[in-house]
PDB file of N, CA and C in Angstrom:
ATOM      1  N   UNK A   1    -107.855  47.677 -79.612  1.00  0.00           N
ATOM      2  CA  UNK A   1    -107.349  46.397 -79.186  1.00  0.00           C
ATOM      3  C   UNK A   1    -105.830  46.455 -79.100  1.00  0.00           C
ATOM      4  N   UNK A   2    -105.292  46.030 -77.980  1.00  0.00           N
ATOM      5  CA  UNK A   2    -103.847  46.051 -77.780  1.00  0.00           C
ATOM      6  C   UNK A   2    -103.166  44.926 -78.554  1.00  0.00           C
ATOM      7  N   UNK A   3    -101.951  45.220 -78.997  1.00  0.00           N
ATOM      8  CA  UNK A   3    -101.147  44.179 -79.628  1.00  0.00           C
ATOM      9  C   UNK A   3    -100.632  43.242 -78.540  1.00  0.00           C
ATOM     10  N   UNK A   4    -100.547  41.955 -78.834  1.00  0.00           N
ATOM     11  CA  UNK A   4    -100.015  41.036 -77.826  1.00  0.00           C
ATOM     12  C   UNK A   4     -98.529  41.295 -77.592  1.00  0.00           C
ATOM     13  N   UNK A   5     -98.086  41.061 -76.383  1.00  0.00           N
ATOM     14  CA  UNK A   5     -96.674  41.225 -76.034  1.00  0.00           C
ATOM     15  C   UNK A   5     -95.877  40.082 -76.655  1.00  0.00           C
ATOM     16  N   UNK A   6     -94.845  40.402 -77.407  1.00  0.00           N
ATOM     17  CA  UNK A   6     -94.026  39.376 -78.046  1.00  0.00           C
ATOM     18  C   UNK A   6     -93.040  38.791 -77.050  1.00  0.00           C
ATOM     19  N   UNK A   7     -92.877  37.483 -77.123  1.00  0.00           N
ATOM     20  CA  UNK A   7     -91.880  36.828 -76.278  1.00  0.00           C
ATOM     21  C   UNK A   7     -90.707  36.328 -77.105  1.00  0.00           C
ATOM     22  N   UNK A   8     -90.811  36.430 -78.429  1.00  0.00           N
ATOM     23  CA  UNK A   8     -89.721  36.055 -79.324  1.00  0.00           C
ATOM     24  C   UNK A   8     -89.472  37.208 -80.285  1.00  0.00           C
ATOM     25  N   UNK A   9     -88.328  37.174 -80.922  1.00  0.00           N
ATOM     26  CA  UNK A   9     -88.005  38.195 -81.919  1.00  0.00           C
ATOM     27  C   UNK A   9     -88.805  37.914 -83.189  1.00  0.00           C
ATOM     28  N   UNK A  10     -89.454  38.921 -83.762  1.00  0.00           N
ATOM     29  CA  UNK A  10     -90.204  38.685 -84.995  1.00  0.00           C
ATOM     30  C   UNK A  10     -89.266  38.401 -86.168  1.00  0.00           C
ATOM     31  N   UNK A  11     -89.719  37.581 -87.083  1.00  0.00           N
ATOM     32  CA  UNK A  11     -88.940  37.288 -88.284  1.00  0.00           C
ATOM     33  C   UNK A  11     -89.049  38.434 -89.277  1.00  0.00           C
ATOM     34  N   UNK A  12     -90.233  39.041 -89.380  1.00  0.00           N
ATOM     35  CA  UNK A  12     -90.457  40.158 -90.285  1.00  0.00           C
ATOM     36  C   UNK A  12     -90.306  41.477 -89.556  1.00  0.00           C
ATOM     37  N   UNK A  13     -89.503  42.371 -90.125  1.00  0.00           N
ATOM     38  CA  UNK A  13     -89.223  43.661 -89.493  1.00  0.00           C
ATOM     39  C   UNK A  13     -89.654  44.802 -90.402  1.00  0.00           C
ATOM     40  N   UNK A  14     -90.336  45.784 -89.835  1.00  0.00           N
ATOM     41  CA  UNK A  14     -90.628  46.996 -90.581  1.00  0.00           C
ATOM     42  C   UNK A  14     -89.347  47.824 -90.678  1.00  0.00           C
ATOM     43  N   UNK A  15     -89.360  48.832 -91.535  1.00  0.00           N
ATOM     44  CA  UNK A  15     -88.161  49.597 -91.903  1.00  0.00           C
ATOM     45  C   UNK A  15     -87.346  50.066 -90.699  1.00  0.00           C
ATOM     46  N   UNK A  16     -87.974  50.729 -89.736  1.00  0.00           N
ATOM     47  CA  UNK A  16     -87.242  51.270 -88.579  1.00  0.00           C
ATOM     48  C   UNK A  16     -86.522  50.157 -87.821  1.00  0.00           C
ATOM     49  N   UNK A  17     -87.232  49.052 -87.604  1.00  0.00           N
ATOM     50  CA  UNK A  17     -86.646  47.942 -86.860  1.00  0.00           C
ATOM     51  C   UNK A  17     -85.599  47.201 -87.687  1.00  0.00           C
ATOM     52  N   UNK A  18     -85.822  47.116 -88.994  1.00  0.00           N
ATOM     53  CA  UNK A  18     -84.840  46.475 -89.868  1.00  0.00           C
ATOM     54  C   UNK A  18     -83.536  47.280 -89.877  1.00  0.00           C
ATOM     55  N   UNK A  19     -83.652  48.600 -89.949  1.00  0.00           N
ATOM     56  CA  UNK A  19     -82.461  49.452 -89.909  1.00  0.00           C
ATOM     57  C   UNK A  19     -81.735  49.290 -88.578  1.00  0.00           C
ATOM     58  N   UNK A  20     -82.480  49.291 -87.486  1.00  0.00           N
ATOM     59  CA  UNK A  20     -81.870  49.118 -86.164  1.00  0.00           C
ATOM     60  C   UNK A  20     -81.207  47.754 -86.052  1.00  0.00           C
ATOM     61  N   UNK A  21     -81.828  46.729 -86.600  1.00  0.00           N
ATOM     62  CA  UNK A  21     -81.251  45.384 -86.578  1.00  0.00           C
ATOM     63  C   UNK A  21     -79.896  45.376 -87.290  1.00  0.00           C
ATOM     64  N   UNK A  22     -79.788  46.159 -88.365  1.00  0.00           N
ATOM     65  CA  UNK A  22     -78.538  46.240 -89.128  1.00  0.00           C
ATOM     66  C   UNK A  22     -77.544  47.220 -88.510  1.00  0.00           C
ATOM     67  N   UNK A  23     -77.985  47.991 -87.534  1.00  0.00           N
ATOM     68  CA  UNK A  23     -77.090  48.930 -86.863  1.00  0.00           C
ATOM     69  C   UNK A  23     -76.854  50.217 -87.624  1.00  0.00           C
ATOM     70  N   UNK A  24     -77.788  50.593 -88.488  1.00  0.00           N
ATOM     71  CA  UNK A  24     -77.633  51.814 -89.279  1.00  0.00           C
ATOM     72  C   UNK A  24     -78.895  52.663 -89.170  1.00  0.00           C
ATOM     73  N   UNK A  25     -78.796  53.909 -89.598  1.00  0.00           N
ATOM     74  CA  UNK A  25     -79.962  54.795 -89.597  1.00  0.00           C
ATOM     75  C   UNK A  25     -80.929  54.356 -90.696  1.00  0.00           C
ATOM     76  N   UNK A  26     -82.199  54.729 -90.575  1.00  0.00           N
ATOM     77  CA  UNK A  26     -83.148  54.392 -91.641  1.00  0.00           C
ATOM     78  C   UNK A  26     -82.736  54.940 -93.012  1.00  0.00           C
ATOM     79  N   UNK A  27     -82.164  56.132 -93.054  1.00  0.00           N
ATOM     80  CA  UNK A  27     -81.720  56.699 -94.329  1.00  0.00           C
ATOM     81  C   UNK A  27     -80.592  55.895 -94.955  1.00  0.00           C
ATOM     82  N   UNK A  28     -79.623  55.491 -94.127  1.00  0.00           N
ATOM     83  CA  UNK A  28     -78.512  54.676 -94.631  1.00  0.00           C
ATOM     84  C   UNK A  28     -79.029  53.299 -95.049  1.00  0.00           C
ATOM     85  N   UNK A  29     -79.963  52.772 -94.286  1.00  0.00           N
ATOM     86  CA  UNK A  29     -80.588  51.491 -94.620  1.00  0.00           C
ATOM     87  C   UNK A  29     -81.229  51.574 -96.007  1.00  0.00           C
ATOM     88  N   UNK A  30     -81.970  52.650 -96.267  1.00  0.00           N
ATOM     89  CA  UNK A  30     -82.612  52.836 -97.572  1.00  0.00           C
ATOM     90  C   UNK A  30     -81.584  52.847 -98.697  1.00  0.00           C
ATOM     91  N   UNK A  31     -80.454  53.535 -98.488  1.00  0.00           N
ATOM     92  CA  UNK A  31     -79.404  53.580 -99.511  1.00  0.00           C
ATOM     93  C   UNK A  31     -78.837  52.185 -99.765  1.00  0.00           C
ATOM     94  N   UNK A  32     -78.629  51.426 -98.693  1.00  0.00           N
ATOM     95  CA  UNK A  32     -78.077  50.076 -98.844  1.00  0.00           C
ATOM     96  C   UNK A  32     -79.053  49.156 -99.583  1.00  0.00           C
ATOM     97  N   UNK A  33     -80.344  49.353 -99.377  1.00  0.00           N
ATOM     98  CA  UNK A  33     -81.351  48.576-100.112  1.00  0.00           C
ATOM     99  C   UNK A  33     -81.321  48.983-101.584  1.00  0.00           C
ATOM    100  N   UNK A  34     -81.261  50.287-101.868  1.00  0.00           N
ATOM    101  CA  UNK A  34     -81.224  50.774-103.257  1.00  0.00           C
ATOM    102  C   UNK A  34     -79.980  50.284-103.994  1.00  0.00           C
ATOM    103  N   UNK A  35     -78.844  50.208-103.282  1.00  0.00           N
ATOM    104  CA  UNK A  35     -77.588  49.740-103.878  1.00  0.00           C
ATOM    105  C   UNK A  35     -77.575  48.230-104.077  1.00  0.00           C
ATOM    106  N   UNK A  36     -78.494  47.525-103.437  1.00  0.00           N
ATOM    107  CA  UNK A  36     -78.523  46.072-103.541  1.00  0.00           C
ATOM    108  C   UNK A  36     -77.683  45.368-102.494  1.00  0.00           C
ATOM    109  N   UNK A  37     -77.086  46.137-101.571  1.00  0.00           N
ATOM    110  CA  UNK A  37     -76.303  45.536-100.493  1.00  0.00           C
ATOM    111  C   UNK A  37     -77.208  44.777 -99.535  1.00  0.00           C
ATOM    112  N   UNK A  38     -78.387  45.321 -99.300  1.00  0.00           N
ATOM    113  CA  UNK A  38     -79.394  44.679 -98.454  1.00  0.00           C
ATOM    114  C   UNK A  38     -80.585  44.302 -99.324  1.00  0.00           C
ATOM    115  N   UNK A  39     -81.337  43.278 -98.928  1.00  0.00           N
ATOM    116  CA  UNK A  39     -82.457  42.819 -99.751  1.00  0.00           C
ATOM    117  C   UNK A  39     -83.611  43.815 -99.797  1.00  0.00           C
ATOM    118  N   UNK A  40     -84.389  43.707-100.854  1.00  0.00           N
ATOM    119  CA  UNK A  40     -85.609  44.512-100.986  1.00  0.00           C
ATOM    120  C   UNK A  40     -86.660  43.974-100.017  1.00  0.00           C
ATOM    121  N   UNK A  41     -87.614  44.817 -99.656  1.00  0.00           N
ATOM    122  CA  UNK A  41     -88.662  44.357 -98.738  1.00  0.00           C
ATOM    123  C   UNK A  41     -89.655  43.436 -99.430  1.00  0.00           C
ATOM    124  N   UNK A  42     -90.427  42.778 -98.613  1.00  0.00           N
ATOM    125  CA  UNK A  42     -91.565  41.978 -99.080  1.00  0.00           C
ATOM    126  C   UNK A  42     -92.825  42.710 -98.651  1.00  0.00           C
ATOM    127  N   UNK A  43     -93.883  42.578 -99.436  1.00  0.00           N
ATOM    128  CA  UNK A  43     -95.160  43.206 -99.083  1.00  0.00           C
ATOM    129  C   UNK A  43     -95.992  42.188 -98.315  1.00  0.00           C
ATOM    130  N   UNK A  44     -96.418  42.572 -97.142  1.00  0.00           N
ATOM    131  CA  UNK A  44     -97.257  41.708 -96.314  1.00  0.00           C
ATOM    132  C   UNK A  44     -98.483  42.510 -95.906  1.00  0.00           C
ATOM    133  N   UNK A  45     -99.577  42.278 -96.591  1.00  0.00           N
ATOM    134  CA  UNK A  45    -100.797  43.016 -96.280  1.00  0.00           C
ATOM    135  C   UNK A  45    -100.650  44.514 -96.442  1.00  0.00           C
ATOM    136  N   UNK A  46     -99.889  44.944 -97.447  1.00  0.00           N
ATOM    137  CA  UNK A  46     -99.695  46.364 -97.685  1.00  0.00           C
ATOM    138  C   UNK A  46     -98.593  46.996 -96.853  1.00  0.00           C
ATOM    139  N   UNK A  47     -97.895  46.198 -96.059  1.00  0.00           N
ATOM    140  CA  UNK A  47     -96.803  46.694 -95.220  1.00  0.00           C
ATOM    141  C   UNK A  47     -95.497  46.100 -95.736  1.00  0.00           C
ATOM    142  N   UNK A  48     -94.475  46.939 -95.914  1.00  0.00           N
ATOM    143  CA  UNK A  48     -93.163  46.443 -96.310  1.00  0.00           C
ATOM    144  C   UNK A  48     -92.459  45.858 -95.100  1.00  0.00           C
ATOM    145  N   UNK A  49     -91.979  44.622 -95.254  1.00  0.00           N
ATOM    146  CA  UNK A  49     -91.195  43.996 -94.188  1.00  0.00           C
ATOM    147  C   UNK A  49     -89.930  43.387 -94.775  1.00  0.00           C
ATOM    148  N   UNK A  50     -88.918  43.297 -93.934  1.00  0.00           N
ATOM    149  CA  UNK A  50     -87.675  42.623 -94.272  1.00  0.00           C
ATOM    150  C   UNK A  50     -87.565  41.409 -93.372  1.00  0.00           C
ATOM    151  N   UNK A  51     -87.109  40.302 -93.939  1.00  0.00           N
ATOM    152  CA  UNK A  51     -86.948  39.086 -93.157  1.00  0.00           C
ATOM    153  C   UNK A  51     -85.593  39.098 -92.460  1.00  0.00           C
ATOM    154  N   UNK A  52     -85.618  38.891 -91.161  1.00  0.00           N
ATOM    155  CA  UNK A  52     -84.400  38.918 -90.354  1.00  0.00           C
ATOM    156  C   UNK A  52     -83.308  37.988 -90.914  1.00  0.00           C
ATOM    157  N   UNK A  53     -83.634  36.731 -91.280  1.00  0.00           N
ATOM    158  CA  UNK A  53     -82.573  35.867 -91.816  1.00  0.00           C
ATOM    159  C   UNK A  53     -81.953  36.395 -93.111  1.00  0.00           C
ATOM    160  N   UNK A  54     -82.755  37.045 -93.962  1.00  0.00           N
ATOM    161  CA  UNK A  54     -82.210  37.614 -95.196  1.00  0.00           C
ATOM    162  C   UNK A  54     -81.303  38.802 -94.899  1.00  0.00           C
ATOM    163  N   UNK A  55     -81.680  39.619 -93.921  1.00  0.00           N
ATOM    164  CA  UNK A  55     -80.819  40.735 -93.520  1.00  0.00           C
ATOM    165  C   UNK A  55     -79.508  40.208 -92.961  1.00  0.00           C
ATOM    166  N   UNK A  56     -79.598  39.189 -92.102  1.00  0.00           N
ATOM    167  CA  UNK A  56     -78.388  38.608 -91.518  1.00  0.00           C
ATOM    168  C   UNK A  56     -77.468  38.059 -92.602  1.00  0.00           C
ATOM    169  N   UNK A  57     -78.033  37.338 -93.566  1.00  0.00           N
ATOM    170  CA  UNK A  57     -77.226  36.773 -94.652  1.00  0.00           C
ATOM    171  C   UNK A  57     -76.543  37.880 -95.455  1.00  0.00           C
ATOM    172  N   UNK A  58     -77.264  38.959 -95.733  1.00  0.00           N
ATOM    173  CA  UNK A  58     -76.684  40.075 -96.489  1.00  0.00           C
ATOM    174  C   UNK A  58     -75.563  40.742 -95.701  1.00  0.00           C
ATOM    175  N   UNK A  59     -75.746  40.896 -94.398  1.00  0.00           N
ATOM    176  CA  UNK A  59     -74.706  41.510 -93.574  1.00  0.00           C
ATOM    177  C   UNK A  59     -73.460  40.639 -93.521  1.00  0.00           C
ATOM    178  N   UNK A  60     -73.644  39.332 -93.370  1.00  0.00           N
ATOM    179  CA  UNK A  60     -72.493  38.425 -93.330  1.00  0.00           C
ATOM    180  C   UNK A  60     -71.777  38.354 -94.669  1.00  0.00           C
ATOM    181  N   UNK A  61     -72.464  38.669 -95.763  1.00  0.00           N
ATOM    182  CA  UNK A  61     -71.860  38.631 -97.094  1.00  0.00           C
ATOM    183  C   UNK A  61     -70.979  39.845 -97.372  1.00  0.00           C
ATOM    184  N   UNK A  62     -71.095  40.888 -96.568  1.00  0.00           N
ATOM    185  CA  UNK A  62     -70.270  42.084 -96.753  1.00  0.00           C
ATOM    186  C   UNK A  62     -68.854  41.770 -96.293  1.00  0.00           C
ATOM    187  N   UNK A  63     -67.886  42.061 -97.150  1.00  0.00           N
ATOM    188  CA  UNK A  63     -66.487  41.790 -96.810  1.00  0.00           C
ATOM    189  C   UNK A  63     -66.041  42.661 -95.654  1.00  0.00           C
ATOM    190  N   UNK A  64     -65.213  42.097 -94.756  1.00  0.00           N
ATOM    191  CA  UNK A  64     -64.676  42.917 -93.662  1.00  0.00           C
ATOM    192  C   UNK A  64     -63.800  44.039 -94.212  1.00  0.00           C
ATOM    193  N   UNK A  65     -63.801  45.142 -93.527  1.00  0.00           N
ATOM    194  CA  UNK A  65     -62.956  46.269 -93.914  1.00  0.00           C
ATOM    195  C   UNK A  65     -61.520  45.898 -93.582  1.00  0.00           C
ATOM    196  N   UNK A  66     -60.661  45.903 -94.577  1.00  0.00           N
ATOM    197  CA  UNK A  66     -59.271  45.504 -94.391  1.00  0.00           C
ATOM    198  C   UNK A  66     -58.383  46.485 -95.136  1.00  0.00           C
ATOM    199  N   UNK A  67     -57.893  47.468 -94.414  1.00  0.00           N
ATOM    200  CA  UNK A  67     -57.050  48.484 -95.036  1.00  0.00           C
ATOM    201  C   UNK A  67     -55.569  48.235 -94.791  1.00  0.00           C
ATOM    202  N   UNK A  68     -55.219  47.160 -94.070  1.00  0.00           N
ATOM    203  CA  UNK A  68     -53.821  46.902 -93.730  1.00  0.00           C
ATOM    204  C   UNK A  68     -53.159  45.913 -94.671  1.00  0.00           C
ATOM    205  N   UNK A  69     -53.856  45.467 -95.710  1.00  0.00           N
ATOM    206  CA  UNK A  69     -53.268  44.519 -96.636  1.00  0.00           C
ATOM    207  C   UNK A  69     -52.988  43.171 -95.999  1.00  0.00           C
ATOM    208  N   UNK A  70     -53.730  42.791 -95.036  1.00  0.00           N
ATOM    209  CA  UNK A  70     -53.531  41.511 -94.356  1.00  0.00           C
ATOM    210  C   UNK A  70     -54.425  41.447 -93.152  1.00  0.00           C
ATOM    211  N   UNK A  71     -53.824  41.591 -91.992  1.00  0.00           N
ATOM    212  CA  UNK A  71     -54.601  41.543 -90.760  1.00  0.00           C
ATOM    213  C   UNK A  71     -55.385  42.822 -90.554  1.00  0.00           C
ATOM    214  N   UNK A  72     -56.344  42.743 -89.682  1.00  0.00           N
ATOM    215  CA  UNK A  72     -57.105  43.937 -89.341  1.00  0.00           C
ATOM    216  C   UNK A  72     -56.887  44.259 -87.879  1.00  0.00           C
ATOM    217  N   UNK A  73     -56.698  45.520 -87.581  1.00  0.00           N
ATOM    218  CA  UNK A  73     -56.609  45.944 -86.188  1.00  0.00           C
ATOM    219  C   UNK A  73     -57.880  46.707 -85.866  1.00  0.00           C
ATOM    220  N   UNK A  74     -58.198  46.785 -84.621  1.00  0.00           N
ATOM    221  CA  UNK A  74     -59.396  47.530 -84.220  1.00  0.00           C
ATOM    222  C   UNK A  74     -59.285  48.987 -84.647  1.00  0.00           C
ATOM    223  N   UNK A  75     -58.099  49.569 -84.500  1.00  0.00           N
ATOM    224  CA  UNK A  75     -57.936  50.969 -84.877  1.00  0.00           C
ATOM    225  C   UNK A  75     -58.230  51.177 -86.361  1.00  0.00           C
ATOM    226  N   UNK A  76     -57.698  50.313 -87.211  1.00  0.00           N
ATOM    227  CA  UNK A  76     -57.919  50.457 -88.649  1.00  0.00           C
ATOM    228  C   UNK A  76     -59.377  50.189 -88.998  1.00  0.00           C
ATOM    229  N   UNK A  77     -59.968  49.190 -88.365  1.00  0.00           N
ATOM    230  CA  UNK A  77     -61.356  48.842 -88.667  1.00  0.00           C
ATOM    231  C   UNK A  77     -62.305  49.978 -88.336  1.00  0.00           C
ATOM    232  N   UNK A  78     -61.974  50.757 -87.300  1.00  0.00           N
ATOM    233  CA  UNK A  78     -62.841  51.859 -86.901  1.00  0.00           C
ATOM    234  C   UNK A  78     -62.331  53.209 -87.383  1.00  0.00           C
ATOM    235  N   UNK A  79     -61.342  53.204 -88.275  1.00  0.00           N
ATOM    236  CA  UNK A  79     -60.857  54.440 -88.869  1.00  0.00           C
ATOM    237  C   UNK A  79     -60.083  55.326 -87.915  1.00  0.00           C
ATOM    238  N   UNK A  80     -59.444  54.719 -86.915  1.00  0.00           N
ATOM    239  CA  UNK A  80     -58.717  55.507 -85.925  1.00  0.00           C
ATOM    240  C   UNK A  80     -57.223  55.582 -86.209  1.00  0.00           C
ATOM    241  N   UNK A  81     -56.745  54.853 -87.192  1.00  0.00           N
ATOM    242  CA  UNK A  81     -55.299  54.889 -87.452  1.00  0.00           C
ATOM    243  C   UNK A  81     -54.982  55.794 -88.612  1.00  0.00           C
TER     244      UNK A  81
END
């Protein structure tokens, strides 16, 4: 039986999709979950899922990288200076 085609973004994301949503590799995603930077998964019928709103909240809670002691430039933010 085929899965229905989604027309909206799912709220629950499996690991690969949760990592992609956060813009990191699955391995880096796992480290961030272990460190507590990102939330732990929820079990849904034996499948680990992450809730998109919880991931978004955790990402917004991370302080911006500010190495200039004040303002941030694109070069400094991306490690180019």
